[in-house]
């Protein structure tokens, strides 16, 4: 059967969360580095399409190719482990402790950052011909996005921080649905379709993804965008990471685990 029932694929997700904790440090860093790099390249791809066509929807429709590639290769994103690893901890899997879960998150985040910065460096060199030419239209678009999504939030004060958190939360609701989608089907075509749908929603609505931002804002800074490293960290990355964590865990992981693994006793009908 090409489709797994919820009770089957949720157990599979718990198994995946457990495997992340037991994975060697080298493998975790390599896989997460490649995930960050693949996703960053997909961002360049989508923004290039949107800039050249003048239609952001087209870029959003094609952006999920990055998620598809990295998840089919078995790479790890911070947003995914935010959802999967806590399920193994809640299920009391042997060896899955809170310190080990936090270490897993830290290693994946570090690897994602390394991959994102690698592509950011390539992007800067590519958009400026090694720093010898003016920044092209795609680079200008990235700079504008970076400025609006740091300075813009800062100008709104605490309301901006709250909106950032919520956009990060709703982002990982959709992204984690994509992670779940990869576990629902046993065929490549089914996995691709299940992953593609929620990723389009997150990207087109402009929700905040911590790993996407690890690429988008550093490349903006490299090209001279009008915001600072402090503004990026305090007025985007921190609330985005927190929102991603809460969204993936509460709106996807806990919902599925509670209703399909630790289910409530069935009603007794008279």
Protein backbone atom coordinates (compact mmCIF):
# COMPACT_ATOMS: atom_id res chain seq x y z
CA UNK A 1 0.00 0.00 0.00
CA UNK A 2 1.44 3.38 -1.00
CA UNK A 3 -0.34 5.28 1.78
CA UNK A 4 0.25 4.73 5.49
CA UNK A 5 -2.52 5.21 8.02
CA UNK A 6 -1.93 7.94 10.65
CA UNK A 7 -1.28 5.42 13.42
CA UNK A 8 1.46 3.92 11.22
CA UNK A 9 3.20 7.05 10.01
CA UNK A 10 3.15 8.77 13.42
CA UNK A 11 5.02 5.79 14.89
CA UNK A 12 7.43 6.14 11.98
CA UNK A 13 7.94 9.80 12.89
CA UNK A 14 8.76 8.86 16.50
CA UNK A 15 11.30 6.35 15.19
CA UNK A 16 12.86 9.07 13.04
CA UNK A 17 13.11 11.39 16.04
CA UNK A 18 14.90 8.69 18.02
CA UNK A 19 17.34 8.06 15.17
CA UNK A 20 18.31 11.75 15.07
CA UNK A 21 19.50 11.59 18.68
CA UNK A 22 21.59 8.47 18.09
CA UNK A 23 23.18 9.76 14.89
CA UNK A 24 26.92 10.45 15.09
CA UNK A 25 28.08 14.05 15.36
CA UNK A 26 29.92 13.93 12.03
CA UNK A 27 26.89 12.59 10.17
CA UNK A 28 24.55 15.09 11.83
CA UNK A 29 26.76 18.03 10.83
CA UNK A 30 27.27 16.83 7.26
CA UNK A 31 23.58 16.13 6.66
CA UNK A 32 22.46 19.40 8.21
CA UNK A 33 25.13 21.35 6.30
CA UNK A 34 23.83 19.91 3.04
CA UNK A 35 20.24 20.66 4.07
CA UNK A 36 21.09 24.31 4.73
CA UNK A 37 22.97 24.60 1.45
CA UNK A 38 20.24 22.91 -0.59
CA UNK A 39 17.51 25.07 0.91
CA UNK A 40 19.53 28.26 0.38
CA UNK A 41 20.07 27.38 -3.26
CA UNK A 42 16.32 26.84 -3.60
CA UNK A 43 15.77 30.35 -2.19
CA UNK A 44 18.05 31.79 -4.88
CA UNK A 45 16.15 29.74 -7.47
CA UNK A 46 12.73 30.96 -6.30
CA UNK A 47 13.71 34.63 -5.94
CA UNK A 48 15.41 34.59 -9.34
CA UNK A 49 12.22 33.25 -10.93
CA UNK A 50 10.03 35.75 -9.07
CA UNK A 51 12.30 38.67 -10.00
CA UNK A 52 12.65 37.73 -13.66
CA UNK A 53 8.97 36.93 -14.22
CA UNK A 54 7.55 39.62 -11.95
CA UNK A 55 5.26 37.02 -10.37
CA UNK A 56 6.08 35.89 -6.85
CA UNK A 57 3.52 33.09 -7.10
CA UNK A 58 5.61 31.33 -9.75
CA UNK A 59 8.64 31.42 -7.47
CA UNK A 60 6.56 30.06 -4.58
CA UNK A 61 5.19 27.24 -6.74
CA UNK A 62 8.72 26.09 -7.60
CA UNK A 63 10.49 26.76 -4.28
CA UNK A 64 9.47 23.37 -2.74
CA UNK A 65 11.93 21.64 -5.08
CA UNK A 66 14.59 22.42 -2.46
CA UNK A 67 12.65 20.71 0.33
CA UNK A 68 11.94 17.73 -1.86
CA UNK A 69 15.60 17.26 -2.72
CA UNK A 70 16.93 17.58 0.80
CA UNK A 71 14.34 15.31 2.42
CA UNK A 72 14.67 12.63 -0.24
CA UNK A 73 18.43 12.67 0.45
CA UNK A 74 17.81 12.22 4.18
CA UNK A 75 19.23 15.61 5.17
CA UNK A 76 18.09 17.43 8.32
CA UNK A 77 16.62 20.88 8.89
CA UNK A 78 16.31 22.50 12.31
CA UNK A 79 12.59 22.95 11.73
CA UNK A 80 12.19 19.21 11.17
CA UNK A 81 14.09 18.09 14.26
CA UNK A 82 12.10 20.61 16.32
CA UNK A 83 9.11 18.41 15.54
CA UNK A 84 10.54 14.89 15.39
CA UNK A 85 12.98 14.62 18.30
CA UNK A 86 10.54 15.78 21.03
CA UNK A 87 8.17 12.98 19.97
CA UNK A 88 10.83 10.39 20.81
CA UNK A 89 11.44 12.15 24.14
CA UNK A 90 7.74 12.19 24.98
CA UNK A 91 7.52 8.52 24.01
CA UNK A 92 10.30 7.83 26.55
CA UNK A 93 12.53 6.14 23.98
CA UNK A 94 15.70 4.77 25.63
CA UNK A 95 18.54 7.27 25.62
CA UNK A 96 16.45 10.17 24.37
CA UNK A 97 17.00 12.69 27.15
CA UNK A 98 16.46 16.45 27.27
CA UNK A 99 20.21 17.27 27.13
CA UNK A 100 20.68 14.96 24.13
CA UNK A 101 17.67 16.50 22.40
CA UNK A 102 19.09 19.99 22.93
CA UNK A 103 22.49 18.83 21.66
CA UNK A 104 20.83 17.41 18.53
CA UNK A 105 19.06 20.72 17.90
CA UNK A 106 22.33 22.64 18.39
CA UNK A 107 24.30 20.43 15.98
CA UNK A 108 21.61 20.56 13.30
CA UNK A 109 21.29 24.33 13.66
CA UNK A 110 25.07 24.73 13.41
CA UNK A 111 25.22 22.57 10.29
CA UNK A 112 22.30 24.41 8.69
CA UNK A 113 24.01 27.73 9.38
CA UNK A 114 27.25 26.52 7.82
CA UNK A 115 25.47 25.36 4.66
CA UNK A 116 23.45 28.56 4.41
CA UNK A 117 26.55 30.75 4.79
CA UNK A 118 28.37 28.67 2.16
CA UNK A 119 25.66 29.43 -0.40
CA UNK A 120 25.39 33.04 0.80
CA UNK A 121 29.07 33.50 -0.03
CA UNK A 122 28.56 31.91 -3.44
CA UNK A 123 25.49 34.08 -4.03
CA UNK A 124 27.33 37.28 -3.21
CA UNK A 125 30.17 36.39 -5.57
CA UNK A 126 27.70 35.32 -8.25
CA UNK A 127 25.49 38.42 -8.06
CA UNK A 128 28.46 40.83 -8.09
CA UNK A 129 30.86 38.93 -10.40
CA UNK A 130 33.28 38.47 -7.54
CA UNK A 131 32.69 41.95 -6.18
CA UNK A 132 33.63 43.70 -9.44
CA UNK A 133 30.15 44.66 -10.64
CA UNK A 134 27.03 46.31 -9.29
CA UNK A 135 24.60 44.01 -7.50
CA UNK A 136 22.11 42.57 -9.97
CA UNK A 137 18.31 42.64 -9.71
CA UNK A 138 18.04 39.36 -7.81
CA UNK A 139 20.55 40.57 -5.24
CA UNK A 140 18.67 43.86 -4.91
CA UNK A 141 15.49 41.94 -4.20
CA UNK A 142 17.21 39.95 -1.45
CA UNK A 143 18.57 43.13 0.10
CA UNK A 144 15.10 44.68 0.12
CA UNK A 145 13.60 41.59 1.77
CA UNK A 146 16.29 41.63 4.45
CA UNK A 147 15.71 45.30 5.22
CA UNK A 148 11.92 45.04 5.39
CA UNK A 149 11.99 41.96 7.60
CA UNK A 150 14.36 43.37 10.20
CA UNK A 151 13.99 47.14 10.32
CA UNK A 152 10.29 46.83 9.54
CA UNK A 153 9.68 44.56 12.52
CA UNK A 154 11.87 46.69 14.78
CA UNK A 155 9.91 49.81 13.96
CA UNK A 156 6.75 48.05 15.15
CA UNK A 157 8.36 47.34 18.54
CA UNK A 158 6.95 44.52 20.66
CA UNK A 159 4.13 44.05 18.14
CA UNK A 160 6.76 43.28 15.50
CA UNK A 161 8.34 40.65 17.76
CA UNK A 162 4.94 39.04 18.35
CA UNK A 163 4.15 38.98 14.62
CA UNK A 164 7.58 37.48 13.92
CA UNK A 165 6.97 34.74 16.48
CA UNK A 166 3.56 33.97 15.01
CA UNK A 167 4.90 33.90 11.45
CA UNK A 168 7.64 31.54 12.61
CA UNK A 169 5.06 29.40 14.37
CA UNK A 170 2.77 29.17 11.36
CA UNK A 171 5.77 28.58 9.09
CA UNK A 172 6.77 25.41 10.91
CA UNK A 173 3.17 24.30 11.06
CA UNK A 174 3.31 24.10 7.28
CA UNK A 175 6.92 22.92 7.00
CA UNK A 176 6.37 20.13 9.51
CA UNK A 177 3.30 19.08 7.57
CA UNK A 178 5.74 18.63 4.71
CA UNK A 179 7.98 16.49 6.93
CA UNK A 180 4.96 14.40 7.87
CA UNK A 181 3.99 14.22 4.21
CA UNK A 182 7.28 12.53 3.42
CA UNK A 183 6.35 9.78 5.89
CA UNK A 184 2.77 9.32 4.70
CA UNK A 185 3.62 7.79 1.33
CA UNK A 186 5.93 4.91 0.42
CA UNK A 187 6.39 6.10 -3.18
CA UNK A 188 8.65 8.89 -4.39
CA UNK A 189 5.86 10.59 -6.33
CA UNK A 190 3.55 10.43 -3.32
CA UNK A 191 6.20 11.89 -1.02
CA UNK A 192 6.87 14.74 -3.44
CA UNK A 193 3.20 15.64 -3.75
CA UNK A 194 2.62 15.50 0.02
CA UNK A 195 5.66 17.70 0.70
CA UNK A 196 4.97 20.20 -2.08
CA UNK A 197 1.56 21.43 -0.92
CA UNK A 198 2.31 22.88 2.55
CA UNK A 199 5.67 24.33 1.48
CA UNK A 200 3.97 26.45 -1.17
CA UNK A 201 1.66 27.87 1.51
CA UNK A 202 4.51 28.86 3.85
CA UNK A 203 6.65 30.47 1.15
CA UNK A 204 3.91 32.39 -0.64
CA UNK A 205 2.47 33.79 2.60
CA UNK A 206 5.89 35.05 3.65
CA UNK A 207 6.13 33.11 6.89
CA UNK A 208 9.48 33.11 8.69
CA UNK A 209 11.73 30.05 8.38
CA UNK A 210 14.85 30.08 10.57
CA UNK A 211 17.09 28.24 8.07
CA UNK A 212 15.92 30.27 5.07
CA UNK A 213 16.75 33.37 7.10
CA UNK A 214 20.24 32.00 7.92
CA UNK A 215 20.91 32.48 4.22
CA UNK A 216 18.74 35.43 3.25
CA UNK A 217 19.93 37.92 5.86
CA UNK A 218 23.68 37.17 5.82
CA UNK A 219 23.76 37.53 2.04
CA UNK A 220 21.93 40.82 2.41
CA UNK A 221 24.58 42.01 4.86
CA UNK A 222 27.36 40.89 2.49
CA UNK A 223 25.82 42.98 -0.28
CA UNK A 224 25.47 46.06 1.93
CA UNK A 225 21.78 46.02 2.85
CA UNK A 226 20.66 48.69 5.30
CA UNK A 227 20.37 46.64 8.50
CA UNK A 228 22.84 45.30 11.05
CA UNK A 229 23.80 41.86 12.31
CA UNK A 230 22.24 42.78 15.66
CA UNK A 231 18.96 43.72 13.99
CA UNK A 232 18.94 40.43 12.08
CA UNK A 233 19.53 38.33 15.20
CA UNK A 234 17.25 40.24 17.60
CA UNK A 235 14.55 41.29 15.17
CA UNK A 236 14.28 38.17 13.09
CA UNK A 237 16.28 35.03 13.89
CA UNK A 238 15.57 34.67 17.64
CA UNK A 239 11.77 35.10 17.49
CA UNK A 240 11.68 33.05 14.29
CA UNK A 241 13.52 30.12 15.90
CA UNK A 242 11.22 30.24 18.92
CA UNK A 243 8.15 30.40 16.69
CA UNK A 244 9.41 27.51 14.55
CA UNK A 245 9.92 25.41 17.68
CA UNK A 246 6.48 26.09 19.12
CA UNK A 247 4.67 25.73 15.80
CA UNK A 248 6.20 22.44 14.74
CA UNK A 249 5.87 20.87 18.16
CA UNK A 250 2.38 22.00 19.15
CA UNK A 251 0.51 22.30 15.85
CA UNK A 252 1.91 19.12 14.28
CA UNK A 253 3.94 16.86 16.55
CA UNK A 254 1.84 16.91 19.71
CA UNK A 255 -1.44 16.88 17.82
CA UNK A 256 -0.55 13.77 15.85
CA UNK A 257 1.15 12.01 18.76
CA UNK A 258 -1.71 12.68 21.18
CA UNK A 259 -4.50 11.61 18.85
CA UNK A 260 -2.79 8.70 17.10
CA UNK A 261 -0.35 7.23 19.66
CA UNK A 262 -1.55 8.18 23.13
CA UNK A 263 -5.17 8.21 22.15
CA UNK A 264 -8.00 8.84 24.56
CA UNK A 265 -10.06 5.84 25.63
CA UNK A 266 -12.95 5.21 23.28
CA UNK A 267 -16.42 6.16 24.37
CA UNK A 268 -18.71 3.51 25.76
CA UNK A 269 -22.05 3.90 24.04
CA UNK A 270 -25.12 2.64 25.81
